[in-house]
Amino acid sequence: MRTGLLPDERAALDTYAWTAWRDLGPLADPVEPPRPAAVLDALVPHGPWG
């Protein structure tokens, strides 16, 4: 397990934000992964509450 970003990740990082799951759908700016809500739904189907 690592802590922190790799050098190339630090160079590519534009900004970060803590975002509620319900707010991930309408994000206007490009994000990685492109559909974060779909990725989270696949990883944790019952959401952060389950």
N, C-alpha and C. Protein backbone atom coordinates (compact mmCIF):
# COMPACT_ATOMS: atom_id res chain seq x y z
N MET A 1 0.84 -1.17 0.00
CA MET A 1 0.00 0.00 0.00
C MET A 1 0.89 1.24 0.00
N ARG A 2 0.52 2.18 -0.79
CA ARG A 2 1.30 3.42 -0.84
C ARG A 2 0.48 4.57 -0.31
N THR A 3 1.15 5.58 0.11
CA THR A 3 0.48 6.80 0.54
C THR A 3 0.96 7.93 -0.36
N GLY A 4 0.04 8.69 -0.85
CA GLY A 4 0.41 9.81 -1.72
C GLY A 4 0.43 9.42 -3.19
N LEU A 5 0.66 10.41 -3.99
CA LEU A 5 0.68 10.25 -5.44
C LEU A 5 2.09 9.98 -5.95
N LEU A 6 2.16 9.31 -7.09
CA LEU A 6 3.43 9.12 -7.78
C LEU A 6 3.80 10.44 -8.45
N PRO A 7 5.08 10.64 -8.79
CA PRO A 7 5.49 11.91 -9.41
C PRO A 7 4.69 12.28 -10.66
N ASP A 8 4.42 11.31 -11.53
CA ASP A 8 3.65 11.63 -12.74
C ASP A 8 2.19 11.95 -12.41
N GLU A 9 1.66 11.34 -11.36
CA GLU A 9 0.30 11.66 -10.95
C GLU A 9 0.23 13.08 -10.37
N ARG A 10 1.24 13.45 -9.60
CA ARG A 10 1.28 14.81 -9.05
C ARG A 10 1.35 15.84 -10.16
N ALA A 11 2.12 15.55 -11.19
CA ALA A 11 2.26 16.49 -12.31
C ALA A 11 0.95 16.64 -13.08
N ALA A 12 0.16 15.57 -13.16
CA ALA A 12 -1.08 15.59 -13.94
C ALA A 12 -2.27 16.09 -13.13
N LEU A 13 -2.16 16.12 -11.81
CA LEU A 13 -3.28 16.52 -10.97
C LEU A 13 -3.57 18.01 -11.13
N ASP A 14 -4.80 18.31 -11.49
CA ASP A 14 -5.21 19.70 -11.64
C ASP A 14 -5.81 20.21 -10.33
N THR A 15 -6.73 19.44 -9.79
CA THR A 15 -7.39 19.82 -8.55
C THR A 15 -8.03 18.58 -7.95
N TYR A 16 -8.53 18.71 -6.75
CA TYR A 16 -9.26 17.61 -6.13
C TYR A 16 -10.41 18.18 -5.32
N ALA A 17 -11.36 17.33 -5.02
CA ALA A 17 -12.51 17.77 -4.22
C ALA A 17 -13.14 16.57 -3.54
N TRP A 18 -13.66 16.77 -2.36
CA TRP A 18 -14.48 15.78 -1.68
C TRP A 18 -15.89 16.00 -2.18
N THR A 19 -16.48 14.98 -2.78
CA THR A 19 -17.78 15.12 -3.41
C THR A 19 -18.71 14.02 -2.94
N ALA A 20 -19.94 14.38 -2.60
CA ALA A 20 -20.94 13.39 -2.23
C ALA A 20 -21.31 12.55 -3.45
N TRP A 21 -21.62 11.28 -3.22
CA TRP A 21 -21.97 10.40 -4.33
C TRP A 21 -23.10 10.97 -5.18
N ARG A 22 -24.11 11.56 -4.55
CA ARG A 22 -25.27 12.07 -5.30
C ARG A 22 -24.88 13.21 -6.23
N ASP A 23 -23.73 13.85 -6.00
CA ASP A 23 -23.29 14.97 -6.82
C ASP A 23 -22.33 14.58 -7.93
N LEU A 24 -22.03 13.28 -8.06
CA LEU A 24 -21.05 12.86 -9.06
C LEU A 24 -21.60 12.84 -10.48
N GLY A 25 -22.89 12.63 -10.65
CA GLY A 25 -23.48 12.56 -11.98
C GLY A 25 -23.34 13.84 -12.79
N PRO A 26 -23.67 14.98 -12.21
CA PRO A 26 -23.67 16.21 -13.00
C PRO A 26 -22.35 16.99 -13.01
N LEU A 27 -21.22 16.34 -12.75
CA LEU A 27 -19.94 17.06 -12.76
C LEU A 27 -19.68 17.65 -14.14
N ALA A 28 -19.36 18.92 -14.19
CA ALA A 28 -19.14 19.60 -15.47
C ALA A 28 -17.72 19.41 -15.99
N ASP A 29 -16.74 19.38 -15.10
CA ASP A 29 -15.35 19.26 -15.51
C ASP A 29 -15.00 17.82 -15.82
N PRO A 30 -14.05 17.59 -16.73
CA PRO A 30 -13.62 16.23 -17.00
C PRO A 30 -12.99 15.61 -15.75
N VAL A 31 -13.35 14.38 -15.46
CA VAL A 31 -12.80 13.68 -14.31
C VAL A 31 -12.33 12.30 -14.72
N GLU A 32 -11.50 11.71 -13.91
CA GLU A 32 -11.04 10.34 -14.10
C GLU A 32 -11.48 9.53 -12.91
N PRO A 33 -12.13 8.43 -13.10
CA PRO A 33 -12.64 7.88 -14.35
C PRO A 33 -13.78 8.75 -14.90
N PRO A 34 -14.07 8.61 -16.20
CA PRO A 34 -15.06 9.47 -16.83
C PRO A 34 -16.47 9.38 -16.20
N ARG A 35 -16.84 8.22 -15.67
CA ARG A 35 -18.15 8.05 -15.04
C ARG A 35 -17.95 7.54 -13.61
N PRO A 36 -17.53 8.39 -12.70
CA PRO A 36 -17.20 7.93 -11.35
C PRO A 36 -18.38 7.29 -10.61
N ALA A 37 -19.59 7.77 -10.83
CA ALA A 37 -20.74 7.19 -10.14
C ALA A 37 -20.94 5.74 -10.56
N ALA A 38 -20.77 5.44 -11.84
CA ALA A 38 -20.92 4.06 -12.32
C ALA A 38 -19.84 3.15 -11.73
N VAL A 39 -18.63 3.64 -11.61
CA VAL A 39 -17.54 2.86 -11.01
C VAL A 39 -17.85 2.57 -9.55
N LEU A 40 -18.26 3.60 -8.81
CA LEU A 40 -18.58 3.41 -7.39
C LEU A 40 -19.77 2.46 -7.21
N ASP A 41 -20.78 2.58 -8.07
CA ASP A 41 -21.93 1.68 -7.98
C ASP A 41 -21.53 0.23 -8.21
N ALA A 42 -20.57 0.00 -9.10
CA ALA A 42 -20.10 -1.36 -9.36
C ALA A 42 -19.27 -1.89 -8.19
N LEU A 43 -18.47 -1.03 -7.58
CA LEU A 43 -17.62 -1.46 -6.47
C LEU A 43 -18.41 -1.62 -5.16
N VAL A 44 -19.35 -0.73 -4.92
CA VAL A 44 -20.13 -0.74 -3.68
C VAL A 44 -21.60 -0.55 -4.04
N PRO A 45 -22.26 -1.65 -4.46
CA PRO A 45 -23.63 -1.54 -5.00
C PRO A 45 -24.64 -0.89 -4.04
N HIS A 46 -24.45 -1.04 -2.75
CA HIS A 46 -25.41 -0.48 -1.79
C HIS A 46 -25.03 0.93 -1.36
N GLY A 47 -24.02 1.50 -1.98
CA GLY A 47 -23.60 2.85 -1.67
C GLY A 47 -22.86 2.93 -0.35
N PRO A 48 -22.46 4.13 0.02
CA PRO A 48 -21.68 4.28 1.24
C PRO A 48 -22.50 4.03 2.50
N TRP A 49 -23.81 3.90 2.35
CA TRP A 49 -24.67 3.70 3.51
C TRP A 49 -24.86 2.24 3.85
N GLY A 50 -24.56 1.33 2.89
CA GLY A 50 -24.85 -0.09 3.09
C GLY A 50 -23.74 -0.81 3.65
